C-alpha atoms as a PDB file:
ATOM      1  CA  MET A   1       0.045   0.084  -0.020  1.00  0.00           C
ATOM      2  CA  ALA A   2       1.237   3.469  -1.170  1.00  0.00           C
ATOM      3  CA  ARG A   3       2.202   5.863   1.515  1.00  0.00           C
ATOM      4  CA  THR A   4       0.759   9.574   1.382  1.00  0.00           C
ATOM      5  CA  SER A   5       3.198  12.026   1.927  1.00  0.00           C
ATOM      6  CA  VAL A   6       2.101  14.819   4.447  1.00  0.00           C
ATOM      7  CA  PRO A   7       2.855  18.225   2.877  1.00  0.00           C
ATOM      8  CA  THR A   8       5.594  20.241   5.163  1.00  0.00           C
ATOM      9  CA  GLN A   9       5.544  24.154   5.554  1.00  0.00           C
ATOM     10  CA  ASN A  10       7.939  24.735   3.272  1.00  0.00           C
ATOM     11  CA  ASP A  11       5.936  23.020   0.415  1.00  0.00           C
ATOM     12  CA  ILE A  12       2.806  25.600   1.321  1.00  0.00           C
ATOM     13  CA  ALA A  13       2.643  28.731  -0.772  1.00  0.00           C
ATOM     14  CA  VAL A  14       2.506  31.771   1.406  1.00  0.00           C
ATOM     15  CA  PRO A  15       0.161  34.736   0.027  1.00  0.00           C
ATOM     16  CA  GLU A  16       2.257  37.438  -1.194  1.00  0.00           C
ATOM     17  CA  SER A  17       0.407  39.599   1.352  1.00  0.00           C
ATOM     18  CA  VAL A  18       1.159  37.931   4.470  1.00  0.00           C
ATOM     19  CA  LEU A  19       5.202  38.041   3.098  1.00  0.00           C
ATOM     20  CA  LYS A  20       4.526  41.976   2.656  1.00  0.00           C
ATOM     21  CA  LYS A  21       2.743  42.269   6.309  1.00  0.00           C
ATOM     22  CA  GLN A  22       5.760  40.239   7.757  1.00  0.00           C
ATOM     23  CA  LYS A  23       8.285  42.123   5.962  1.00  0.00           C
ATOM     24  CA  ALA A  24       6.861  45.090   7.247  1.00  0.00           C
ATOM     25  CA  HIS A  25       6.874  44.133  10.680  1.00  0.00           C
ATOM     26  CA  GLN A  26      10.316  42.985  10.772  1.00  0.00           C
ATOM     27  CA  LYS A  27      11.206  46.599   9.447  1.00  0.00           C
ATOM     28  CA  THR A  28       9.196  48.133  12.074  1.00  0.00           C
ATOM     29  CA  THR A  29      10.547  46.006  15.054  1.00  0.00           C
ATOM     30  CA  ASP A  30      14.210  46.609  13.729  1.00  0.00           C
ATOM     31  CA  SER A  31      13.345  50.557  13.658  1.00  0.00           C
ATOM     32  CA  GLN A  32      11.787  50.360  17.392  1.00  0.00           C
ATOM     33  CA  ALA A  33      15.082  48.223  18.492  1.00  0.00           C
ATOM     34  CA  ALA A  34      17.628  50.711  17.098  1.00  0.00           C
ATOM     35  CA  ASP A  35      15.438  53.948  18.231  1.00  0.00           C
ATOM     36  CA  LEU A  36      15.389  52.598  21.809  1.00  0.00           C
ATOM     37  CA  LYS A  37      19.330  51.632  21.538  1.00  0.00           C
ATOM     38  CA  LYS A  38      19.815  55.386  20.331  1.00  0.00           C
ATOM     39  CA  LYS A  39      17.316  56.263  22.893  1.00  0.00           C
ATOM     40  CA  ARG A  40      19.498  54.537  25.830  1.00  0.00           C
ATOM     41  CA  GLN A  41      22.762  55.639  24.512  1.00  0.00           C
ATOM     42  CA  ALA A  42      21.407  59.219  24.804  1.00  0.00           C
ATOM     43  CA  SER A  43      20.097  58.786  28.338  1.00  0.00           C
ATOM     44  CA  ARG A  44      23.465  57.067  29.401  1.00  0.00           C
ATOM     45  CA  GLU A  45      25.035  60.273  28.027  1.00  0.00           C
ATOM     46  CA  LYS A  46      22.638  62.929  29.628  1.00  0.00           C
ATOM     47  CA  ARG A  47      22.926  61.233  32.943  1.00  0.00           C
ATOM     48  CA  LYS A  48      26.987  61.442  32.839  1.00  0.00           C
ATOM     49  CA  VAL A  49      26.382  65.328  32.022  1.00  0.00           C
ATOM     50  CA  ILE A  50      24.053  65.832  34.976  1.00  0.00           C
ATOM     51  CA  ALA A  51      26.379  64.062  37.076  1.00  0.00           C
ATOM     52  CA  GLU A  52      29.324  66.159  36.322  1.00  0.00           C
ATOM     53  CA  ARG A  53      27.370  69.282  36.530  1.00  0.00           C
ATOM     54  CA  ALA A  54      26.080  68.477  40.211  1.00  0.00           C
ATOM     55  CA  GLN A  55      29.585  67.382  41.341  1.00  0.00           C
ATOM     56  CA  LYS A  56      30.764  70.820  39.841  1.00  0.00           C
ATOM     57  CA  TYR A  57      27.966  72.517  41.492  1.00  0.00           C
ATOM     58  CA  ASN A  58      29.117  70.929  44.898  1.00  0.00           C
ATOM     59  CA  GLN A  59      32.401  72.233  44.437  1.00  0.00           C
ATOM     60  CA  GLU A  60      31.344  75.552  44.141  1.00  0.00           C
ATOM     61  CA  TYR A  61      29.141  75.997  47.135  1.00  0.00           C
ATOM     62  CA  LEU A  62      32.263  73.839  49.321  1.00  0.00           C
ATOM     63  CA  LYS A  63      34.485  76.558  47.650  1.00  0.00           C
ATOM     64  CA  ALA A  64      32.127  79.288  49.081  1.00  0.00           C
ATOM     65  CA  GLN A  65      32.024  77.730  52.456  1.00  0.00           C
ATOM     66  CA  ARG A  66      35.557  77.845  52.766  1.00  0.00           C
ATOM     67  CA  ASP A  67      36.208  81.390  51.619  1.00  0.00           C
ATOM     68  CA  VAL A  68      33.524  82.416  54.402  1.00  0.00           C
ATOM     69  CA  ILE A  69      35.848  80.533  56.847  1.00  0.00           C
ATOM     70  CA  ASP A  70      38.986  81.677  55.822  1.00  0.00           C
ATOM     71  CA  ALA A  71      37.489  85.308  55.658  1.00  0.00           C
ATOM     72  CA  LYS A  72      36.651  85.008  59.315  1.00  0.00           C
ATOM     73  CA  ARG A  73      40.185  83.583  60.091  1.00  0.00           C
ATOM     74  CA  ALA A  74      41.837  86.496  58.485  1.00  0.00           C
ATOM     75  CA  ALA A  75      39.610  89.094  60.373  1.00  0.00           C
ATOM     76  CA  LYS A  76      40.173  87.407  63.638  1.00  0.00           C
ATOM     77  CA  LYS A  77      43.664  87.272  63.055  1.00  0.00           C
ATOM     78  CA  ASP A  78      43.428  91.247  62.155  1.00  0.00           C
ATOM     79  CA  ASN A  79      41.687  91.713  65.151  1.00  0.00           C
ATOM     80  CA  SER A  80      38.902  93.027  62.944  1.00  0.00           C
ATOM     81  CA  LEU A  81      35.263  92.238  62.080  1.00  0.00           C
ATOM     82  CA  PHE A  82      34.164  90.169  58.953  1.00  0.00           C
ATOM     83  CA  ILE A  83      30.743  90.535  58.019  1.00  0.00           C
ATOM     84  CA  PRO A  84      29.180  88.340  55.305  1.00  0.00           C
ATOM     85  CA  ALA A  85      27.427  89.578  52.613  1.00  0.00           C
ATOM     86  CA  GLU A  86      23.568  89.640  53.130  1.00  0.00           C
ATOM     87  CA  SER A  87      21.557  86.771  51.631  1.00  0.00           C
ATOM     88  CA  ARG A  88      19.750  87.553  48.281  1.00  0.00           C
ATOM     89  CA  LEU A  89      17.625  84.495  48.721  1.00  0.00           C
ATOM     90  CA  VAL A  90      14.719  84.470  51.099  1.00  0.00           C
ATOM     91  CA  PHE A  91      11.986  81.956  51.463  1.00  0.00           C
ATOM     92  CA  VAL A  92       8.375  83.099  52.672  1.00  0.00           C
ATOM     93  CA  VAL A  93       5.613  81.023  54.322  1.00  0.00           C
ATOM     94  CA  ARG A  94       2.453  82.136  55.144  1.00  0.00           C
ATOM     95  CA  ILE A  95       1.117  81.273  58.574  1.00  0.00           C
ATOM     96  CA  LYS A  96      -1.900  82.801  59.262  1.00  0.00           C
ATOM     97  CA  GLY A  97      -5.261  83.123  57.284  1.00  0.00           C
ATOM     98  CA  ILE A  98      -7.480  85.774  55.757  1.00  0.00           C
ATOM     99  CA  ASN A  99      -9.635  87.429  58.635  1.00  0.00           C
ATOM    100  CA  LYS A 100      -9.646  90.827  59.087  1.00  0.00           C
ATOM    101  CA  ILE A 101      -7.232  91.873  56.168  1.00  0.00           C
ATOM    102  CA  ASP A 102      -7.069  95.013  54.237  1.00  0.00           C
ATOM    103  CA  PRO A 103      -7.235  94.643  50.301  1.00  0.00           C
ATOM    104  CA  LYS A 104      -3.480  95.959  50.205  1.00  0.00           C
ATOM    105  CA  LYS A 105      -2.378  93.020  52.298  1.00  0.00           C
ATOM    106  CA  ARG A 106      -4.269  90.822  50.061  1.00  0.00           C
ATOM    107  CA  LYS A 107      -3.276  91.773  46.858  1.00  0.00           C
ATOM    108  CA  THR A 108       0.433  91.449  48.102  1.00  0.00           C
ATOM    109  CA  LEU A 109       0.083  87.865  49.455  1.00  0.00           C
ATOM    110  CA  GLN A 110      -1.667  87.380  45.977  1.00  0.00           C
ATOM    111  CA  LEU A 111       1.325  88.973  43.807  1.00  0.00           C
ATOM    112  CA  LEU A 112       3.888  86.786  46.359  1.00  0.00           C
ATOM    113  CA  ARG A 113       1.620  83.643  45.350  1.00  0.00           C
ATOM    114  CA  LEU A 114       0.835  82.634  48.581  1.00  0.00           C
ATOM    115  CA  LEU A 115      -3.135  82.329  48.337  1.00  0.00           C
ATOM    116  CA  GLN A 116      -3.142  79.563  51.499  1.00  0.00           C
ATOM    117  CA  ILE A 117      -1.491  79.191  54.822  1.00  0.00           C
ATOM    118  CA  ASN A 118       1.255  76.976  54.830  1.00  0.00           C
ATOM    119  CA  ASN A 119       2.309  77.777  51.110  1.00  0.00           C
ATOM    120  CA  GLY A 120       5.858  78.748  50.961  1.00  0.00           C
ATOM    121  CA  VAL A 121       7.668  80.515  48.236  1.00  0.00           C
ATOM    122  CA  PHE A 122      11.366  81.412  47.196  1.00  0.00           C
ATOM    123  CA  VAL A 123      12.041  85.334  46.631  1.00  0.00           C
ATOM    124  CA  ARG A 124      14.913  87.016  45.355  1.00  0.00           C
ATOM    125  CA  LEU A 125      15.596  89.956  48.059  1.00  0.00           C
ATOM    126  CA  THR A 126      15.364  93.626  46.081  1.00  0.00           C
ATOM    127  CA  LYS A 127      14.067  96.816  47.324  1.00  0.00           C
ATOM    128  CA  ALA A 128      10.555  96.114  45.809  1.00  0.00           C
ATOM    129  CA  THR A 129      10.169  92.484  47.513  1.00  0.00           C
ATOM    130  CA  SER A 130      11.720  93.724  50.793  1.00  0.00           C
ATOM    131  CA  GLU A 131       8.679  96.374  51.103  1.00  0.00           C
ATOM    132  CA  MET A 132       6.354  93.999  50.056  1.00  0.00           C
ATOM    133  CA  LEU A 133       7.738  91.666  52.766  1.00  0.00           C
ATOM    134  CA  LYS A 134       6.889  94.358  55.338  1.00  0.00           C
ATOM    135  CA  ILE A 135       3.277  94.985  54.286  1.00  0.00           C
ATOM    136  CA  VAL A 136       2.802  91.223  54.621  1.00  0.00           C
ATOM    137  CA  GLU A 137       4.736  90.757  57.799  1.00  0.00           C
ATOM    138  CA  PRO A 138       1.825  90.101  60.093  1.00  0.00           C
ATOM    139  CA  PHE A 139       1.120  87.036  57.813  1.00  0.00           C
ATOM    140  CA  VAL A 140       4.049  85.118  56.837  1.00  0.00           C
ATOM    141  CA  ALA A 141       7.843  84.079  58.526  1.00  0.00           C
ATOM    142  CA  TYR A 142      10.495  84.131  56.299  1.00  0.00           C
ATOM    143  CA  GLY A 143      14.145  83.931  56.386  1.00  0.00           C
ATOM    144  CA  TYR A 144      17.459  83.048  54.584  1.00  0.00           C
ATOM    145  CA  PRO A 145      17.498  79.421  53.455  1.00  0.00           C
ATOM    146  CA  ASN A 146      20.744  77.368  53.330  1.00  0.00           C
ATOM    147  CA  HIS A 147      21.419  74.835  50.366  1.00  0.00           C
ATOM    148  CA  LYS A 148      20.238  71.756  52.481  1.00  0.00           C
ATOM    149  CA  THR A 149      16.779  73.322  52.755  1.00  0.00           C
ATOM    150  CA  VAL A 150      16.574  74.459  49.567  1.00  0.00           C
ATOM    151  CA  ARG A 151      17.514  71.373  48.233  1.00  0.00           C
ATOM    152  CA  GLU A 152      15.062  69.209  50.245  1.00  0.00           C
ATOM    153  CA  LEU A 153      12.178  71.228  49.860  1.00  0.00           C
ATOM    154  CA  ILE A 154      12.659  71.114  45.761  1.00  0.00           C
ATOM    155  CA  TYR A 155      13.389  67.109  46.025  1.00  0.00           C
ATOM    156  CA  LYS A 156      10.441  66.565  48.382  1.00  0.00           C
ATOM    157  CA  ARG A 157       8.041  69.079  47.830  1.00  0.00           C
ATOM    158  CA  GLY A 158       8.532  70.261  44.144  1.00  0.00           C
ATOM    159  CA  TYR A 159       6.071  70.338  41.866  1.00  0.00           C
ATOM    160  CA  LEU A 160       6.420  72.263  38.209  1.00  0.00           C
ATOM    161  CA  LYS A 161       3.411  74.499  36.971  1.00  0.00           C
ATOM    162  CA  VAL A 162       2.881  73.342  33.374  1.00  0.00           C
ATOM    163  CA  ASN A 163      -0.334  74.366  31.510  1.00  0.00           C
ATOM    164  CA  LYS A 164      -1.818  75.472  34.654  1.00  0.00           C
ATOM    165  CA  GLN A 165      -1.551  71.861  36.158  1.00  0.00           C
ATOM    166  CA  ARG A 166       0.605  71.020  38.994  1.00  0.00           C
ATOM    167  CA  LEU A 167       2.625  68.256  38.094  1.00  0.00           C
ATOM    168  CA  PRO A 168       5.250  66.375  40.270  1.00  0.00           C
ATOM    169  CA  ILE A 169       8.768  66.267  39.249  1.00  0.00           C
ATOM    170  CA  THR A 170       9.349  62.639  38.360  1.00  0.00           C
ATOM    171  CA  ASP A 171      12.117  62.762  35.785  1.00  0.00           C
ATOM    172  CA  ASN A 172      14.473  65.536  34.253  1.00  0.00           C
ATOM    173  CA  GLU A 173      12.569  65.027  30.736  1.00  0.00           C
ATOM    174  CA  LEU A 174       9.802  67.245  32.206  1.00  0.00           C
ATOM    175  CA  ILE A 175      12.269  69.757  33.295  1.00  0.00           C
ATOM    176  CA  GLU A 176      14.106  69.984  30.157  1.00  0.00           C
ATOM    177  CA  GLU A 177      10.962  70.139  27.849  1.00  0.00           C
ATOM    178  CA  ASN A 178       9.523  73.302  30.107  1.00  0.00           C
ATOM    179  CA  LEU A 179      12.886  74.898  31.327  1.00  0.00           C
ATOM    180  CA  GLY A 180      15.565  73.741  28.563  1.00  0.00           C
ATOM    181  CA  LYS A 181      15.203  77.158  26.621  1.00  0.00           C
ATOM    182  CA  PHE A 182      17.100  78.897  30.034  1.00  0.00           C
ATOM    183  CA  GLY A 183      19.817  76.051  30.418  1.00  0.00           C
ATOM    184  CA  VAL A 184      17.949  74.123  33.060  1.00  0.00           C
ATOM    185  CA  THR A 185      17.721  70.569  32.327  1.00  0.00           C
ATOM    186  CA  CYS A 186      17.984  68.720  35.525  1.00  0.00           C
ATOM    187  CA  ILE A 187      16.530  69.222  39.151  1.00  0.00           C
ATOM    188  CA  GLU A 188      19.916  69.641  40.227  1.00  0.00           C
ATOM    189  CA  ASP A 189      20.179  72.874  37.770  1.00  0.00           C
ATOM    190  CA  ILE A 190      16.871  74.006  39.836  1.00  0.00           C
ATOM    191  CA  VAL A 191      18.315  73.843  43.101  1.00  0.00           C
ATOM    192  CA  HIS A 192      21.564  75.651  41.686  1.00  0.00           C
ATOM    193  CA  GLU A 193      19.808  78.193  39.960  1.00  0.00           C
ATOM    194  CA  ILE A 194      17.337  79.309  43.017  1.00  0.00           C
ATOM    195  CA  PHE A 195      20.157  78.672  45.682  1.00  0.00           C
ATOM    196  CA  THR A 196      22.549  81.249  43.648  1.00  0.00           C
ATOM    197  CA  VAL A 197      19.795  83.507  42.681  1.00  0.00           C
ATOM    198  CA  GLY A 198      21.064  83.039  39.002  1.00  0.00           C
ATOM    199  CA  PRO A 199      20.032  84.848  36.022  1.00  0.00           C
ATOM    200  CA  ASN A 200      16.760  82.373  35.214  1.00  0.00           C
ATOM    201  CA  PHE A 201      15.469  82.672  38.861  1.00  0.00           C
ATOM    202  CA  LYS A 202      12.389  84.488  37.868  1.00  0.00           C
ATOM    203  CA  GLN A 203      11.432  81.976  35.538  1.00  0.00           C
ATOM    204  CA  VAL A 204      12.307  78.883  37.362  1.00  0.00           C
ATOM    205  CA  SER A 205      10.860  80.030  40.551  1.00  0.00           C
ATOM    206  CA  ASN A 206       7.388  80.981  38.678  1.00  0.00           C
ATOM    207  CA  ALA A 207       7.841  77.312  37.060  1.00  0.00           C
ATOM    208  CA  LEU A 208       7.357  75.984  40.539  1.00  0.00           C
ATOM    209  CA  TRP A 209       4.343  75.508  41.996  1.00  0.00           C
ATOM    210  CA  PRO A 210       4.140  76.881  45.259  1.00  0.00           C
ATOM    211  CA  PHE A 211       5.354  74.843  48.510  1.00  0.00           C
ATOM    212  CA  LYS A 212       2.724  72.788  49.965  1.00  0.00           C
ATOM    213  CA  LEU A 213       4.007  72.747  53.655  1.00  0.00           C
ATOM    214  CA  SER A 214       2.174  70.836  56.660  1.00  0.00           C
ATOM    215  CA  SER A 215       1.915  72.261  60.054  1.00  0.00           C
ATOM    216  CA  PRO A 216       5.073  72.393  62.253  1.00  0.00           C
ATOM    217  CA  THR A 217       5.733  69.197  64.266  1.00  0.00           C
ATOM    218  CA  GLY A 218       4.975  70.395  67.737  1.00  0.00           C
ATOM    219  CA  GLY A 219       3.034  73.129  66.391  1.00  0.00           C
ATOM    220  CA  PHE A 220       4.066  77.253  66.481  1.00  0.00           C
ATOM    221  CA  ARG A 221       5.533  78.652  69.663  1.00  0.00           C
ATOM    222  CA  THR A 222       2.607  81.461  70.096  1.00  0.00           C
ATOM    223  CA  ARG A 223      -0.866  82.286  68.591  1.00  0.00           C
ATOM    224  CA  LYS A 224       1.193  83.474  65.766  1.00  0.00           C
ATOM    225  CA  PHE A 225       0.386  87.213  66.690  1.00  0.00           C
ATOM    226  CA  LYS A 226       3.849  88.141  67.923  1.00  0.00           C
ATOM    227  CA  HIS A 227       7.010  89.188  66.025  1.00  0.00           C
ATOM    228  CA  PHE A 228       9.784  86.472  65.645  1.00  0.00           C
ATOM    229  CA  ILE A 229      12.083  88.463  68.089  1.00  0.00           C
ATOM    230  CA  GLU A 230       9.472  88.943  70.619  1.00  0.00           C
ATOM    231  CA  GLY A 231       9.250  85.120  71.149  1.00  0.00           C
ATOM    232  CA  GLY A 232       6.630  84.784  68.424  1.00  0.00           C
ATOM    233  CA  ASP A 233       6.513  83.362  64.836  1.00  0.00           C
ATOM    234  CA  LEU A 234       5.807  86.173  62.666  1.00  0.00           C
ATOM    235  CA  GLY A 235       8.499  88.153  60.533  1.00  0.00           C
ATOM    236  CA  ASN A 236      12.273  87.668  59.716  1.00  0.00           C
ATOM    237  CA  ARG A 237      14.092  84.717  61.240  1.00  0.00           C
ATOM    238  CA  GLU A 238      16.924  85.274  59.151  1.00  0.00           C
ATOM    239  CA  GLN A 239      18.708  81.437  59.557  1.00  0.00           C
ATOM    240  CA  PHE A 240      15.985  80.095  61.705  1.00  0.00           C
ATOM    241  CA  ILE A 241      13.823  79.775  58.974  1.00  0.00           C
ATOM    242  CA  ASN A 242      15.867  76.603  58.135  1.00  0.00           C
ATOM    243  CA  GLN A 243      14.610  74.858  61.635  1.00  0.00           C
ATOM    244  CA  LEU A 244      10.836  75.964  60.975  1.00  0.00           C
ATOM    245  CA  VAL A 245      11.288  74.600  57.398  1.00  0.00           C
ATOM    246  CA  ARG A 246      12.514  70.894  58.624  1.00  0.00           C
ATOM    247  CA  GLN A 247       9.456  71.035  61.021  1.00  0.00           C
ATOM    248  CA  MET A 248       7.140  71.827  58.386  1.00  0.00           C
ATOM    249  CA  ASN A 249       8.641  69.813  55.651  1.00  0.00           C
END
């Protein structure tokens, strides 16, 4: 009895349309793989640049600290007094509500973007902003933040304002898309621009959503009616703002 042969896959004619579809699919797959490889390579190079830039910033901060220490030692050696330059950066936190507030103070709080209690913003200290802080002093606490405070606030509470939306800073691509035209491409660039009050401070500060802080651990010292130098919480705390921010962050 003759044995019948079973046709194999090679013996079956594949329609030309299927062959074209397979070829197109393979081409797409190869293209996607090549794009993914390029993207990974670009990401590695970008991370390297960011790391080098962060290291450069850290060296800059350390040099500034050493310069102050050396200046103090030199002044002490000469029996003189060293007075460091006044900080150009202040961090302002709103600690009181809007009860019994006149229109001028209300408008000034709006200009500072302090619309809610426990909202905080970075402000460049100028003659105009100094006058604004005097107007709203009964409603805010402010002072001179150090690098650690600036960095922790941006990393932990930082949000970008994109098309009137509050977006968390989850990756550097979001920063580059919105602030890349100012030379700010990563979160360390934001920290540096804010802390050093750089040339693009206004654009970067406005791109940051006002920081939403918590009530301070242990509460405020008083009912928030006294100035800080009187044992209260209002007004200029100078360097002591760092302690308050740590309690609220």
